[in-house]
Amino acid sequence: MDNNKFEIPVTIRADETGALLTLRNARDGIDFLMNRWQGKRTEKHRAALQACSDVIDGNKPAIGARRALVAAAREAGVFVDEKALAGKI
């Protein structure tokens, strides 16, 4: 069982080309935050990184990491609302 899986994946714009990336679990979140993050490393970024790490360590539920990741992505302007996308398909 994948306890670090997000119930609802997080979709973000991965780079300046507008390519979309879907983060399905806390490991995806850490990889993105550590290796592909284009924004400033703010307090929300650090909180998301910590929340994802806590999930992987088995200390917190995945929903908290998802919320922190969405907050950081919104702050950086890279969060993509799936509902908005559905209307464009």
PDB file of N, CA and C in Angstrom:
ATOM      1  N   MET A   1       0.827  -1.187   0.000  1.00  0.00           N
ATOM      2  CA  MET A   1       0.000   0.000   0.000  1.00  0.00           C
ATOM      3  C   MET A   1       0.869   1.247   0.000  1.00  0.00           C
ATOM      4  N   ASP A   2       0.504   2.211  -0.819  1.00  0.00           N
ATOM      5  CA  ASP A   2       1.275   3.442  -0.951  1.00  0.00           C
ATOM      6  C   ASP A   2       0.681   4.514  -0.038  1.00  0.00           C
ATOM      7  N   ASN A   3       1.183   4.598   1.198  1.00  0.00           N
ATOM      8  CA  ASN A   3       0.635   5.531   2.180  1.00  0.00           C
ATOM      9  C   ASN A   3       0.987   6.977   1.905  1.00  0.00           C
ATOM     10  N   ASN A   4       1.888   7.227   0.975  1.00  0.00           N
ATOM     11  CA  ASN A   4       2.245   8.615   0.693  1.00  0.00           C
ATOM     12  C   ASN A   4       1.527   9.138  -0.545  1.00  0.00           C
ATOM     13  N   LYS A   5       0.563   8.377  -1.056  1.00  0.00           N
ATOM     14  CA  LYS A   5      -0.176   8.757  -2.263  1.00  0.00           C
ATOM     15  C   LYS A   5      -1.214   9.833  -1.959  1.00  0.00           C
ATOM     16  N   PHE A   6      -1.297  10.841  -2.840  1.00  0.00           N
ATOM     17  CA  PHE A   6      -2.304  11.883  -2.706  1.00  0.00           C
ATOM     18  C   PHE A   6      -3.631  11.360  -3.230  1.00  0.00           C
ATOM     19  N   GLU A   7      -4.701  11.596  -2.508  1.00  0.00           N
ATOM     20  CA  GLU A   7      -6.020  11.167  -2.960  1.00  0.00           C
ATOM     21  C   GLU A   7      -6.368  11.850  -4.283  1.00  0.00           C
ATOM     22  N   ILE A   8      -6.018  13.127  -4.386  1.00  0.00           N
ATOM     23  CA  ILE A   8      -6.190  13.890  -5.629  1.00  0.00           C
ATOM     24  C   ILE A   8      -4.809  14.386  -6.032  1.00  0.00           C
ATOM     25  N   PRO A   9      -4.302  13.983  -7.203  1.00  0.00           N
ATOM     26  CA  PRO A   9      -2.979  14.445  -7.633  1.00  0.00           C
ATOM     27  C   PRO A   9      -2.923  15.974  -7.758  1.00  0.00           C
ATOM     28  N   VAL A  10      -1.721  16.501  -7.678  1.00  0.00           N
ATOM     29  CA  VAL A  10      -1.490  17.941  -7.819  1.00  0.00           C
ATOM     30  C   VAL A  10      -0.876  18.174  -9.194  1.00  0.00           C
ATOM     31  N   THR A  11      -1.495  19.043  -9.983  1.00  0.00           N
ATOM     32  CA  THR A  11      -0.965  19.368 -11.309  1.00  0.00           C
ATOM     33  C   THR A  11      -0.329  20.752 -11.258  1.00  0.00           C
ATOM     34  N   ILE A  12       0.884  20.832 -11.768  1.00  0.00           N
ATOM     35  CA  ILE A  12       1.612  22.107 -11.775  1.00  0.00           C
ATOM     36  C   ILE A  12       2.211  22.342 -13.158  1.00  0.00           C
ATOM     37  N   ARG A  13       2.546  23.603 -13.416  1.00  0.00           N
ATOM     38  CA  ARG A  13       3.317  23.943 -14.612  1.00  0.00           C
ATOM     39  C   ARG A  13       4.782  23.720 -14.246  1.00  0.00           C
ATOM     40  N   ALA A  14       5.408  22.786 -14.950  1.00  0.00           N
ATOM     41  CA  ALA A  14       6.747  22.347 -14.575  1.00  0.00           C
ATOM     42  C   ALA A  14       7.847  23.341 -14.941  1.00  0.00           C
ATOM     43  N   ASP A  15       7.623  24.127 -15.985  1.00  0.00           N
ATOM     44  CA  ASP A  15       8.656  25.054 -16.426  1.00  0.00           C
ATOM     45  C   ASP A  15       8.035  26.180 -17.228  1.00  0.00           C
ATOM     46  N   GLU A  16       8.876  27.033 -17.753  1.00  0.00           N
ATOM     47  CA  GLU A  16       8.391  28.208 -18.484  1.00  0.00           C
ATOM     48  C   GLU A  16       7.704  27.865 -19.808  1.00  0.00           C
ATOM     49  N   THR A  17       7.829  26.642 -20.290  1.00  0.00           N
ATOM     50  CA  THR A  17       7.144  26.243 -21.522  1.00  0.00           C
ATOM     51  C   THR A  17       5.667  25.964 -21.279  1.00  0.00           C
ATOM     52  N   GLY A  18       5.290  25.831 -20.010  1.00  0.00           N
ATOM     53  CA  GLY A  18       3.903  25.538 -19.677  1.00  0.00           C
ATOM     54  C   GLY A  18       3.599  24.059 -19.605  1.00  0.00           C
ATOM     55  N   ALA A  19       4.623  23.213 -19.731  1.00  0.00           N
ATOM     56  CA  ALA A  19       4.429  21.770 -19.634  1.00  0.00           C
ATOM     57  C   ALA A  19       3.839  21.419 -18.267  1.00  0.00           C
ATOM     58  N   LEU A  20       2.867  20.515 -18.267  1.00  0.00           N
ATOM     59  CA  LEU A  20       2.213  20.129 -17.027  1.00  0.00           C
ATOM     60  C   LEU A  20       2.866  18.897 -16.428  1.00  0.00           C
ATOM     61  N   LEU A  21       2.920  18.883 -15.114  1.00  0.00           N
ATOM     62  CA  LEU A  21       3.484  17.769 -14.365  1.00  0.00           C
ATOM     63  C   LEU A  21       2.478  17.383 -13.290  1.00  0.00           C
ATOM     64  N   THR A  22       2.211  16.099 -13.161  1.00  0.00           N
ATOM     65  CA  THR A  22       1.279  15.612 -12.152  1.00  0.00           C
ATOM     66  C   THR A  22       2.055  14.964 -11.021  1.00  0.00           C
ATOM     67  N   LEU A  23       1.834  15.477  -9.822  1.00  0.00           N
ATOM     68  CA  LEU A  23       2.472  14.942  -8.622  1.00  0.00           C
ATOM     69  C   LEU A  23       1.456  14.051  -7.929  1.00  0.00           C
ATOM     70  N   ARG A  24       1.747  12.761  -7.857  1.00  0.00           N
ATOM     71  CA  ARG A  24       0.780  11.788  -7.349  1.00  0.00           C
ATOM     72  C   ARG A  24       1.017  11.368  -5.903  1.00  0.00           C
ATOM     73  N   ASN A  25       2.187  11.690  -5.368  1.00  0.00           N
ATOM     74  CA  ASN A  25       2.489  11.272  -3.997  1.00  0.00           C
ATOM     75  C   ASN A  25       3.568  12.165  -3.396  1.00  0.00           C
ATOM     76  N   ALA A  26       3.874  11.929  -2.135  1.00  0.00           N
ATOM     77  CA  ALA A  26       4.847  12.759  -1.425  1.00  0.00           C
ATOM     78  C   ALA A  26       6.241  12.649  -2.039  1.00  0.00           C
ATOM     79  N   ARG A  27       6.591  11.501  -2.567  1.00  0.00           N
ATOM     80  CA  ARG A  27       7.909  11.355  -3.222  1.00  0.00           C
ATOM     81  C   ARG A  27       8.003  12.230  -4.474  1.00  0.00           C
ATOM     82  N   ASP A  28       6.916  12.261  -5.255  1.00  0.00           N
ATOM     83  CA  ASP A  28       6.878  13.172  -6.411  1.00  0.00           C
ATOM     84  C   ASP A  28       7.026  14.617  -5.943  1.00  0.00           C
ATOM     85  N   GLY A  29       6.362  14.934  -4.830  1.00  0.00           N
ATOM     86  CA  GLY A  29       6.433  16.287  -4.286  1.00  0.00           C
ATOM     87  C   GLY A  29       7.846  16.669  -3.898  1.00  0.00           C
ATOM     88  N   ILE A  30       8.540  15.786  -3.211  1.00  0.00           N
ATOM     89  CA  ILE A  30       9.928  16.070  -2.815  1.00  0.00           C
ATOM     90  C   ILE A  30      10.815  16.230  -4.039  1.00  0.00           C
ATOM     91  N   ASP A  31      10.661  15.342  -5.002  1.00  0.00           N
ATOM     92  CA  ASP A  31      11.473  15.436  -6.218  1.00  0.00           C
ATOM     93  C   ASP A  31      11.259  16.789  -6.903  1.00  0.00           C
ATOM     94  N   PHE A  32      10.013  17.193  -7.037  1.00  0.00           N
ATOM     95  CA  PHE A  32       9.723  18.471  -7.666  1.00  0.00           C
ATOM     96  C   PHE A  32      10.292  19.629  -6.848  1.00  0.00           C
ATOM     97  N   LEU A  33      10.040  19.623  -5.552  1.00  0.00           N
ATOM     98  CA  LEU A  33      10.488  20.730  -4.698  1.00  0.00           C
ATOM     99  C   LEU A  33      12.013  20.843  -4.630  1.00  0.00           C
ATOM    100  N   MET A  34      12.700  19.720  -4.685  1.00  0.00           N
ATOM    101  CA  MET A  34      14.160  19.728  -4.588  1.00  0.00           C
ATOM    102  C   MET A  34      14.859  19.948  -5.932  1.00  0.00           C
ATOM    103  N   ASN A  35      14.304  19.389  -7.007  1.00  0.00           N
ATOM    104  CA  ASN A  35      15.034  19.351  -8.264  1.00  0.00           C
ATOM    105  C   ASN A  35      14.460  20.187  -9.408  1.00  0.00           C
ATOM    106  N   ARG A  36      13.179  20.523  -9.332  1.00  0.00           N
ATOM    107  CA  ARG A  36      12.562  21.212 -10.464  1.00  0.00           C
ATOM    108  C   ARG A  36      11.895  22.529 -10.097  1.00  0.00           C
ATOM    109  N   TRP A  37      11.980  22.902  -8.849  1.00  0.00           N
ATOM    110  CA  TRP A  37      11.345  24.128  -8.358  1.00  0.00           C
ATOM    111  C   TRP A  37      11.988  25.341  -8.994  1.00  0.00           C
ATOM    112  N   GLN A  38      11.171  26.165  -9.610  1.00  0.00           N
ATOM    113  CA  GLN A  38      11.672  27.356 -10.301  1.00  0.00           C
ATOM    114  C   GLN A  38      11.505  28.630  -9.470  1.00  0.00           C
ATOM    115  N   GLY A  39      10.652  28.590  -8.461  1.00  0.00           N
ATOM    116  CA  GLY A  39      10.357  29.780  -7.665  1.00  0.00           C
ATOM    117  C   GLY A  39      11.352  29.994  -6.538  1.00  0.00           C
ATOM    118  N   LYS A  40      11.044  31.010  -5.743  1.00  0.00           N
ATOM    119  CA  LYS A  40      11.860  31.286  -4.567  1.00  0.00           C
ATOM    120  C   LYS A  40      11.631  30.203  -3.532  1.00  0.00           C
ATOM    121  N   ARG A  41      12.633  29.967  -2.734  1.00  0.00           N
ATOM    122  CA  ARG A  41      12.549  28.963  -1.663  1.00  0.00           C
ATOM    123  C   ARG A  41      12.021  29.673  -0.405  1.00  0.00           C
ATOM    124  N   THR A  42      10.712  29.865  -0.391  1.00  0.00           N
ATOM    125  CA  THR A  42      10.051  30.595   0.682  1.00  0.00           C
ATOM    126  C   THR A  42       9.696  29.670   1.847  1.00  0.00           C
ATOM    127  N   GLU A  43       9.068  30.249   2.848  1.00  0.00           N
ATOM    128  CA  GLU A  43       8.609  29.462   3.991  1.00  0.00           C
ATOM    129  C   GLU A  43       7.587  28.409   3.555  1.00  0.00           C
ATOM    130  N   LYS A  44       6.721  28.739   2.605  1.00  0.00           N
ATOM    131  CA  LYS A  44       5.742  27.762   2.115  1.00  0.00           C
ATOM    132  C   LYS A  44       6.436  26.622   1.372  1.00  0.00           C
ATOM    133  N   HIS A  45       7.484  26.931   0.640  1.00  0.00           N
ATOM    134  CA  HIS A  45       8.265  25.892  -0.030  1.00  0.00           C
ATOM    135  C   HIS A  45       8.878  24.957   1.011  1.00  0.00           C
ATOM    136  N   ARG A  46       9.490  25.536   2.023  1.00  0.00           N
ATOM    137  CA  ARG A  46      10.112  24.724   3.081  1.00  0.00           C
ATOM    138  C   ARG A  46       9.071  23.893   3.828  1.00  0.00           C
ATOM    139  N   ALA A  47       7.900  24.481   4.081  1.00  0.00           N
ATOM    140  CA  ALA A  47       6.838  23.751   4.782  1.00  0.00           C
ATOM    141  C   ALA A  47       6.360  22.566   3.944  1.00  0.00           C
ATOM    142  N   ALA A  48       6.248  22.761   2.637  1.00  0.00           N
ATOM    143  CA  ALA A  48       5.821  21.670   1.745  1.00  0.00           C
ATOM    144  C   ALA A  48       6.862  20.558   1.730  1.00  0.00           C
ATOM    145  N   LEU A  49       8.119  20.927   1.673  1.00  0.00           N
ATOM    146  CA  LEU A  49       9.194  19.944   1.692  1.00  0.00           C
ATOM    147  C   LEU A  49       9.170  19.145   2.992  1.00  0.00           C
ATOM    148  N   GLN A  50       8.995  19.830   4.113  1.00  0.00           N
ATOM    149  CA  GLN A  50       8.928  19.159   5.409  1.00  0.00           C
ATOM    150  C   GLN A  50       7.705  18.251   5.493  1.00  0.00           C
ATOM    151  N   ALA A  51       6.567  18.729   5.005  1.00  0.00           N
ATOM    152  CA  ALA A  51       5.337  17.934   5.055  1.00  0.00           C
ATOM    153  C   ALA A  51       5.475  16.660   4.225  1.00  0.00           C
ATOM    154  N   CYS A  52       6.063  16.769   3.044  1.00  0.00           N
ATOM    155  CA  CYS A  52       6.275  15.579   2.209  1.00  0.00           C
ATOM    156  C   CYS A  52       7.227  14.604   2.891  1.00  0.00           C
ATOM    157  N   SER A  53       8.264  15.127   3.503  1.00  0.00           N
ATOM    158  CA  SER A  53       9.224  14.293   4.219  1.00  0.00           C
ATOM    159  C   SER A  53       8.548  13.579   5.397  1.00  0.00           C
ATOM    160  N   ASP A  54       7.693  14.298   6.110  1.00  0.00           N
ATOM    161  CA  ASP A  54       6.977  13.701   7.242  1.00  0.00           C
ATOM    162  C   ASP A  54       6.079  12.550   6.792  1.00  0.00           C
ATOM    163  N   VAL A  55       5.465  12.699   5.620  1.00  0.00           N
ATOM    164  CA  VAL A  55       4.612  11.632   5.086  1.00  0.00           C
ATOM    165  C   VAL A  55       5.455  10.398   4.768  1.00  0.00           C
ATOM    166  N   ILE A  56       6.565  10.603   4.113  1.00  0.00           N
ATOM    167  CA  ILE A  56       7.432   9.487   3.739  1.00  0.00           C
ATOM    168  C   ILE A  56       7.968   8.768   4.982  1.00  0.00           C
ATOM    169  N   ASP A  57       8.239   9.551   6.024  1.00  0.00           N
ATOM    170  CA  ASP A  57       8.720   8.958   7.285  1.00  0.00           C
ATOM    171  C   ASP A  57       7.606   8.265   8.064  1.00  0.00           C
ATOM    172  N   GLY A  58       6.360   8.406   7.598  1.00  0.00           N
ATOM    173  CA  GLY A  58       5.230   7.767   8.262  1.00  0.00           C
ATOM    174  C   GLY A  58       4.683   8.547   9.439  1.00  0.00           C
ATOM    175  N   ASN A  59       5.082   9.819   9.561  1.00  0.00           N
ATOM    176  CA  ASN A  59       4.663  10.623  10.708  1.00  0.00           C
ATOM    177  C   ASN A  59       3.394  11.437  10.491  1.00  0.00           C
ATOM    178  N   LYS A  60       3.013  11.662   9.231  1.00  0.00           N
ATOM    179  CA  LYS A  60       1.853  12.512   8.926  1.00  0.00           C
ATOM    180  C   LYS A  60       1.078  11.907   7.762  1.00  0.00           C
ATOM    181  N   PRO A  61      -0.216  12.274   7.646  1.00  0.00           N
ATOM    182  CA  PRO A  61      -1.008  11.793   6.507  1.00  0.00           C
ATOM    183  C   PRO A  61      -0.689  12.584   5.240  1.00  0.00           C
ATOM    184  N   ALA A  62      -0.911  11.962   4.101  1.00  0.00           N
ATOM    185  CA  ALA A  62      -0.584  12.574   2.809  1.00  0.00           C
ATOM    186  C   ALA A  62      -1.391  13.833   2.526  1.00  0.00           C
ATOM    187  N   ILE A  63      -2.593  13.952   3.083  1.00  0.00           N
ATOM    188  CA  ILE A  63      -3.433  15.122   2.807  1.00  0.00           C
ATOM    189  C   ILE A  63      -2.746  16.418   3.254  1.00  0.00           C
ATOM    190  N   GLY A  64      -2.015  16.366   4.348  1.00  0.00           N
ATOM    191  CA  GLY A  64      -1.304  17.550   4.828  1.00  0.00           C
ATOM    192  C   GLY A  64      -0.197  17.972   3.878  1.00  0.00           C
ATOM    193  N   ALA A  65       0.511  16.991   3.334  1.00  0.00           N
ATOM    194  CA  ALA A  65       1.571  17.294   2.375  1.00  0.00           C
ATOM    195  C   ALA A  65       0.983  17.865   1.096  1.00  0.00           C
ATOM    196  N   ARG A  66      -0.148  17.311   0.671  1.00  0.00           N
ATOM    197  CA  ARG A  66      -0.802  17.819  -0.539  1.00  0.00           C
ATOM    198  C   ARG A  66      -1.202  19.280  -0.340  1.00  0.00           C
ATOM    199  N   ARG A  67      -1.795  19.584   0.808  1.00  0.00           N
ATOM    200  CA  ARG A  67      -2.213  20.966   1.093  1.00  0.00           C
ATOM    201  C   ARG A  67      -1.018  21.915   1.090  1.00  0.00           C
ATOM    202  N   ALA A  68       0.065  21.494   1.723  1.00  0.00           N
ATOM    203  CA  ALA A  68       1.266  22.337   1.780  1.00  0.00           C
ATOM    204  C   ALA A  68       1.869  22.529   0.392  1.00  0.00           C
ATOM    205  N   LEU A  69       1.850  21.475  -0.407  1.00  0.00           N
ATOM    206  CA  LEU A  69       2.376  21.556  -1.766  1.00  0.00           C
ATOM    207  C   LEU A  69       1.542  22.500  -2.628  1.00  0.00           C
ATOM    208  N   VAL A  70       0.230  22.407  -2.512  1.00  0.00           N
ATOM    209  CA  VAL A  70      -0.658  23.306  -3.259  1.00  0.00           C
ATOM    210  C   VAL A  70      -0.426  24.752  -2.827  1.00  0.00           C
ATOM    211  N   ALA A  71      -0.278  24.991  -1.530  1.00  0.00           N
ATOM    212  CA  ALA A  71      -0.042  26.350  -1.034  1.00  0.00           C
ATOM    213  C   ALA A  71       1.259  26.922  -1.601  1.00  0.00           C
ATOM    214  N   ALA A  72       2.313  26.119  -1.617  1.00  0.00           N
ATOM    215  CA  ALA A  72       3.595  26.575  -2.156  1.00  0.00           C
ATOM    216  C   ALA A  72       3.490  26.823  -3.662  1.00  0.00           C
ATOM    217  N   ALA A  73       2.813  25.921  -4.368  1.00  0.00           N
ATOM    218  CA  ALA A  73       2.661  26.063  -5.824  1.00  0.00           C
ATOM    219  C   ALA A  73       1.813  27.285  -6.175  1.00  0.00           C
ATOM    220  N   ARG A  74       0.779  27.538  -5.397  1.00  0.00           N
ATOM    221  CA  ARG A  74      -0.040  28.744  -5.623  1.00  0.00           C
ATOM    222  C   ARG A  74       0.791  30.003  -5.413  1.00  0.00           C
ATOM    223  N   GLU A  75       1.553  30.025  -4.329  1.00  0.00           N
ATOM    224  CA  GLU A  75       2.391  31.178  -4.039  1.00  0.00           C
ATOM    225  C   GLU A  75       3.373  31.442  -5.183  1.00  0.00           C
ATOM    226  N   ALA A  76       3.911  30.367  -5.763  1.00  0.00           N
ATOM    227  CA  ALA A  76       4.884  30.496  -6.847  1.00  0.00           C
ATOM    228  C   ALA A  76       4.220  30.698  -8.209  1.00  0.00           C
ATOM    229  N   GLY A  77       2.888  30.580  -8.261  1.00  0.00           N
ATOM    230  CA  GLY A  77       2.176  30.778  -9.523  1.00  0.00           C
ATOM    231  C   GLY A  77       2.278  29.617 -10.485  1.00  0.00           C
ATOM    232  N   VAL A  78       2.514  28.403  -9.967  1.00  0.00           N
ATOM    233  CA  VAL A  78       2.645  27.237 -10.850  1.00  0.00           C
ATOM    234  C   VAL A  78       1.537  26.203 -10.658  1.00  0.00           C
ATOM    235  N   PHE A  79       0.640  26.435  -9.698  1.00  0.00           N
ATOM    236  CA  PHE A  79      -0.455  25.495  -9.462  1.00  0.00           C
ATOM    237  C   PHE A  79      -1.458  25.572 -10.607  1.00  0.00           C
ATOM    238  N   VAL A  80      -1.912  24.409 -11.070  1.00  0.00           N
ATOM    239  CA  VAL A  80      -2.929  24.338 -12.114  1.00  0.00           C
ATOM    240  C   VAL A  80      -4.178  23.730 -11.518  1.00  0.00           C
ATOM    241  N   ASP A  81      -5.275  24.455 -11.603  1.00  0.00           N
ATOM    242  CA  ASP A  81      -6.553  23.967 -11.095  1.00  0.00           C
ATOM    243  C   ASP A  81      -7.158  23.009 -12.109  1.00  0.00           C
ATOM    244  N   GLU A  82      -7.320  21.761 -11.724  1.00  0.00           N
ATOM    245  CA  GLU A  82      -7.851  20.749 -12.623  1.00  0.00           C
ATOM    246  C   GLU A  82      -9.251  21.119 -13.150  1.00  0.00           C
ATOM    247  N   LYS A  83     -10.046  21.789 -12.332  1.00  0.00           N
ATOM    248  CA  LYS A  83     -11.382  22.188 -12.761  1.00  0.00           C
ATOM    249  C   LYS A  83     -11.303  23.183 -13.909  1.00  0.00           C
ATOM    250  N   ALA A  84     -10.341  24.069 -13.862  1.00  0.00           N
ATOM    251  CA  ALA A  84     -10.153  25.045 -14.946  1.00  0.00           C
ATOM    252  C   ALA A  84      -9.712  24.349 -16.212  1.00  0.00           C
ATOM    253  N   LEU A  85      -8.869  23.320 -16.077  1.00  0.00           N
ATOM    254  CA  LEU A  85      -8.395  22.574 -17.235  1.00  0.00           C
ATOM    255  C   LEU A  85      -9.539  21.831 -17.917  1.00  0.00           C
ATOM    256  N   ALA A  86     -10.462  21.283 -17.144  1.00  0.00           N
ATOM    257  CA  ALA A  86     -11.552  20.482 -17.685  1.00  0.00           C
ATOM    258  C   ALA A  86     -12.375  21.287 -18.674  1.00  0.00           C
ATOM    259  N   GLY A  87     -12.531  22.559 -18.457  1.00  0.00           N
ATOM    260  CA  GLY A  87     -13.296  23.404 -19.358  1.00  0.00           C
ATOM    261  C   GLY A  87     -12.580  23.716 -20.652  1.00  0.00           C
ATOM    262  N   LYS A  88     -11.264  23.471 -20.714  1.00  0.00           N
ATOM    263  CA  LYS A  88     -10.471  23.789 -21.903  1.00  0.00           C
ATOM    264  C   LYS A  88     -10.203  22.591 -22.776  1.00  0.00           C
ATOM    265  N   ILE A  89     -10.613  21.412 -22.336  1.00  0.00           N
ATOM    266  CA  ILE A  89     -10.345  20.191 -23.089  1.00  0.00           C
ATOM    267  C   ILE A  89     -11.456  19.913 -24.078  1.00  0.00           C
TER     268      ILE A  89
END
